[in-house]
Amino acid sequence: MKDATSLQLLLVEPDAQTAERVRQTLSSHFPAACVRHCSTVAQTLALDPAGIDLVLSDMTLPDGTGLDLLDRL
């Protein structure tokens, strides 16, 4: 199991204000973790999923759904 200093968290959220609130909450609970943010399925799929430990996704994205995204990852 990884420790919190090496966690790679990915937040997929189209709304910038919501994304910032969630990022702040995650950062307060996991201060050493890296929290990345994407707002679309296309942006997310451009990343290498091998380094991501946890994906938190909105269900409704501009170019697909959160479930479709997770299935594709």
N, C-alpha and C. Protein backbone atom coordinates (compact mmCIF):
# COMPACT_ATOMS: atom_id res chain seq x y z
N MET A 1 0.84 -1.19 0.00
CA MET A 1 0.00 0.00 0.00
C MET A 1 0.88 1.25 0.00
N LYS A 2 0.50 2.22 -0.82
CA LYS A 2 1.26 3.46 -0.89
C LYS A 2 0.98 4.32 0.32
N ASP A 3 1.99 5.13 0.69
CA ASP A 3 1.71 6.10 1.74
C ASP A 3 1.18 7.38 1.11
N ALA A 4 0.66 8.27 1.92
CA ALA A 4 0.00 9.48 1.42
C ALA A 4 0.95 10.40 0.66
N THR A 5 2.26 10.25 0.86
CA THR A 5 3.20 11.14 0.18
C THR A 5 3.34 10.80 -1.29
N SER A 6 2.92 9.62 -1.69
CA SER A 6 3.07 9.24 -3.08
C SER A 6 1.74 9.03 -3.80
N LEU A 7 0.64 9.36 -3.15
CA LEU A 7 -0.67 9.20 -3.77
C LEU A 7 -0.84 10.17 -4.93
N GLN A 8 -1.38 9.64 -6.03
CA GLN A 8 -1.70 10.43 -7.21
C GLN A 8 -3.22 10.40 -7.37
N LEU A 9 -3.87 11.51 -7.06
CA LEU A 9 -5.33 11.59 -7.11
C LEU A 9 -5.75 12.40 -8.33
N LEU A 10 -6.75 11.90 -9.03
CA LEU A 10 -7.26 12.60 -10.21
C LEU A 10 -8.71 12.97 -9.99
N LEU A 11 -9.00 14.23 -10.13
CA LEU A 11 -10.35 14.76 -10.01
C LEU A 11 -10.84 15.14 -11.39
N VAL A 12 -11.96 14.57 -11.81
CA VAL A 12 -12.55 14.89 -13.11
C VAL A 12 -13.87 15.60 -12.83
N GLU A 13 -13.84 16.91 -13.03
CA GLU A 13 -14.98 17.76 -12.65
C GLU A 13 -15.04 18.95 -13.61
N PRO A 14 -16.16 19.13 -14.33
CA PRO A 14 -16.23 20.23 -15.29
C PRO A 14 -16.41 21.62 -14.66
N ASP A 15 -16.95 21.69 -13.47
CA ASP A 15 -17.17 22.99 -12.83
C ASP A 15 -15.94 23.41 -12.03
N ALA A 16 -15.34 24.52 -12.39
CA ALA A 16 -14.09 24.96 -11.77
C ALA A 16 -14.23 25.24 -10.27
N GLN A 17 -15.34 25.83 -9.85
CA GLN A 17 -15.53 26.13 -8.43
C GLN A 17 -15.67 24.85 -7.61
N THR A 18 -16.44 23.91 -8.11
CA THR A 18 -16.59 22.63 -7.41
C THR A 18 -15.25 21.91 -7.36
N ALA A 19 -14.53 21.91 -8.46
CA ALA A 19 -13.23 21.26 -8.51
C ALA A 19 -12.28 21.84 -7.47
N GLU A 20 -12.29 23.15 -7.33
CA GLU A 20 -11.40 23.79 -6.35
C GLU A 20 -11.79 23.42 -4.92
N ARG A 21 -13.08 23.37 -4.63
CA ARG A 21 -13.51 22.97 -3.28
C ARG A 21 -13.11 21.54 -2.97
N VAL A 22 -13.30 20.65 -3.93
CA VAL A 22 -12.92 19.24 -3.72
C VAL A 22 -11.40 19.12 -3.59
N ARG A 23 -10.65 19.85 -4.43
CA ARG A 23 -9.20 19.81 -4.35
C ARG A 23 -8.71 20.28 -2.98
N GLN A 24 -9.30 21.35 -2.46
CA GLN A 24 -8.93 21.85 -1.14
C GLN A 24 -9.22 20.82 -0.06
N THR A 25 -10.37 20.17 -0.15
CA THR A 25 -10.72 19.14 0.83
C THR A 25 -9.74 17.97 0.77
N LEU A 26 -9.45 17.50 -0.43
CA LEU A 26 -8.49 16.41 -0.58
C LEU A 26 -7.11 16.80 -0.06
N SER A 27 -6.68 18.01 -0.38
CA SER A 27 -5.37 18.48 0.06
C SER A 27 -5.29 18.60 1.58
N SER A 28 -6.40 18.94 2.21
CA SER A 28 -6.38 19.05 3.67
C SER A 28 -6.30 17.68 4.34
N HIS A 29 -6.86 16.67 3.71
CA HIS A 29 -6.81 15.32 4.27
C HIS A 29 -5.55 14.56 3.85
N PHE A 30 -5.03 14.87 2.69
CA PHE A 30 -3.83 14.22 2.15
C PHE A 30 -2.86 15.30 1.69
N PRO A 31 -2.22 16.02 2.63
CA PRO A 31 -1.42 17.19 2.26
C PRO A 31 -0.24 16.90 1.33
N ALA A 32 0.29 15.71 1.36
CA ALA A 32 1.46 15.40 0.53
C ALA A 32 1.07 14.75 -0.80
N ALA A 33 -0.20 14.47 -0.99
CA ALA A 33 -0.64 13.82 -2.22
C ALA A 33 -0.67 14.83 -3.37
N CYS A 34 -0.55 14.32 -4.56
CA CYS A 34 -0.66 15.15 -5.77
C CYS A 34 -2.10 15.04 -6.28
N VAL A 35 -2.80 16.16 -6.34
CA VAL A 35 -4.17 16.19 -6.83
C VAL A 35 -4.16 16.86 -8.20
N ARG A 36 -4.50 16.09 -9.22
CA ARG A 36 -4.58 16.62 -10.59
C ARG A 36 -6.05 16.82 -10.94
N HIS A 37 -6.31 17.74 -11.86
CA HIS A 37 -7.68 18.04 -12.24
C HIS A 37 -7.83 18.02 -13.76
N CYS A 38 -8.87 17.37 -14.23
CA CYS A 38 -9.28 17.41 -15.63
C CYS A 38 -10.76 17.77 -15.65
N SER A 39 -11.20 18.37 -16.76
CA SER A 39 -12.61 18.75 -16.82
C SER A 39 -13.40 18.00 -17.89
N THR A 40 -12.71 17.18 -18.70
CA THR A 40 -13.40 16.43 -19.74
C THR A 40 -12.86 15.01 -19.83
N VAL A 41 -13.62 14.16 -20.51
CA VAL A 41 -13.17 12.79 -20.78
C VAL A 41 -11.90 12.84 -21.63
N ALA A 42 -11.90 13.68 -22.65
CA ALA A 42 -10.75 13.76 -23.56
C ALA A 42 -9.47 14.15 -22.83
N GLN A 43 -9.54 15.14 -21.94
CA GLN A 43 -8.36 15.54 -21.16
C GLN A 43 -7.88 14.39 -20.30
N THR A 44 -8.80 13.68 -19.70
CA THR A 44 -8.44 12.58 -18.80
C THR A 44 -7.79 11.44 -19.56
N LEU A 45 -8.34 11.09 -20.72
CA LEU A 45 -7.80 9.98 -21.49
C LEU A 45 -6.43 10.29 -22.08
N ALA A 46 -6.05 11.56 -22.13
CA ALA A 46 -4.72 11.94 -22.61
C ALA A 46 -3.64 11.66 -21.57
N LEU A 47 -4.04 11.43 -20.32
CA LEU A 47 -3.09 11.13 -19.24
C LEU A 47 -2.74 9.65 -19.23
N ASP A 48 -1.60 9.33 -18.64
CA ASP A 48 -1.20 7.94 -18.44
C ASP A 48 -1.88 7.43 -17.18
N PRO A 49 -2.82 6.50 -17.29
CA PRO A 49 -3.55 6.05 -16.11
C PRO A 49 -2.71 5.19 -15.16
N ALA A 50 -1.55 4.74 -15.60
CA ALA A 50 -0.73 3.86 -14.76
C ALA A 50 -0.28 4.53 -13.47
N GLY A 51 -0.12 5.84 -13.48
CA GLY A 51 0.36 6.52 -12.29
C GLY A 51 -0.74 7.05 -11.39
N ILE A 52 -1.99 6.80 -11.72
CA ILE A 52 -3.11 7.33 -10.94
C ILE A 52 -3.59 6.27 -9.94
N ASP A 53 -3.69 6.69 -8.69
CA ASP A 53 -4.15 5.78 -7.64
C ASP A 53 -5.65 5.83 -7.41
N LEU A 54 -6.25 6.99 -7.61
CA LEU A 54 -7.68 7.15 -7.33
C LEU A 54 -8.26 8.18 -8.29
N VAL A 55 -9.41 7.85 -8.87
CA VAL A 55 -10.12 8.78 -9.75
C VAL A 55 -11.45 9.12 -9.10
N LEU A 56 -11.69 10.41 -8.94
CA LEU A 56 -12.99 10.91 -8.48
C LEU A 56 -13.59 11.67 -9.64
N SER A 57 -14.74 11.20 -10.12
CA SER A 57 -15.31 11.80 -11.32
C SER A 57 -16.75 12.20 -11.12
N ASP A 58 -17.08 13.35 -11.67
CA ASP A 58 -18.47 13.77 -11.78
C ASP A 58 -19.15 12.77 -12.72
N MET A 59 -20.43 12.57 -12.56
CA MET A 59 -21.15 11.65 -13.43
C MET A 59 -21.46 12.26 -14.80
N THR A 60 -21.68 13.58 -14.84
CA THR A 60 -22.04 14.24 -16.08
C THR A 60 -20.90 15.14 -16.52
N LEU A 61 -20.25 14.74 -17.62
CA LEU A 61 -19.12 15.49 -18.16
C LEU A 61 -19.52 16.05 -19.53
N PRO A 62 -18.86 17.10 -20.00
CA PRO A 62 -19.25 17.71 -21.27
C PRO A 62 -19.19 16.76 -22.46
N ASP A 63 -18.30 15.79 -22.42
CA ASP A 63 -18.11 14.89 -23.57
C ASP A 63 -18.30 13.42 -23.22
N GLY A 64 -19.10 13.14 -22.19
CA GLY A 64 -19.38 11.76 -21.82
C GLY A 64 -19.87 11.67 -20.39
N THR A 65 -19.84 10.45 -19.86
CA THR A 65 -20.26 10.25 -18.47
C THR A 65 -19.08 9.74 -17.66
N GLY A 66 -19.18 9.92 -16.36
CA GLY A 66 -18.15 9.43 -15.46
C GLY A 66 -17.99 7.92 -15.55
N LEU A 67 -19.08 7.19 -15.69
CA LEU A 67 -18.99 5.73 -15.81
C LEU A 67 -18.31 5.30 -17.10
N ASP A 68 -18.63 5.98 -18.20
CA ASP A 68 -17.94 5.69 -19.47
C ASP A 68 -16.45 5.95 -19.34
N LEU A 69 -16.10 7.05 -18.69
CA LEU A 69 -14.69 7.40 -18.49
C LEU A 69 -13.97 6.30 -17.70
N LEU A 70 -14.55 5.90 -16.60
CA LEU A 70 -13.91 4.88 -15.77
C LEU A 70 -13.78 3.56 -16.51
N ASP A 71 -14.78 3.23 -17.32
CA ASP A 71 -14.70 2.02 -18.13
C ASP A 71 -13.55 2.10 -19.14
N ARG A 72 -13.37 3.25 -19.74
CA ARG A 72 -12.30 3.43 -20.72
C ARG A 72 -10.92 3.46 -20.08
N LEU A 73 -10.83 3.96 -18.85
CA LEU A 73 -9.55 3.95 -18.16
C LEU A 73 -9.14 2.54 -17.83
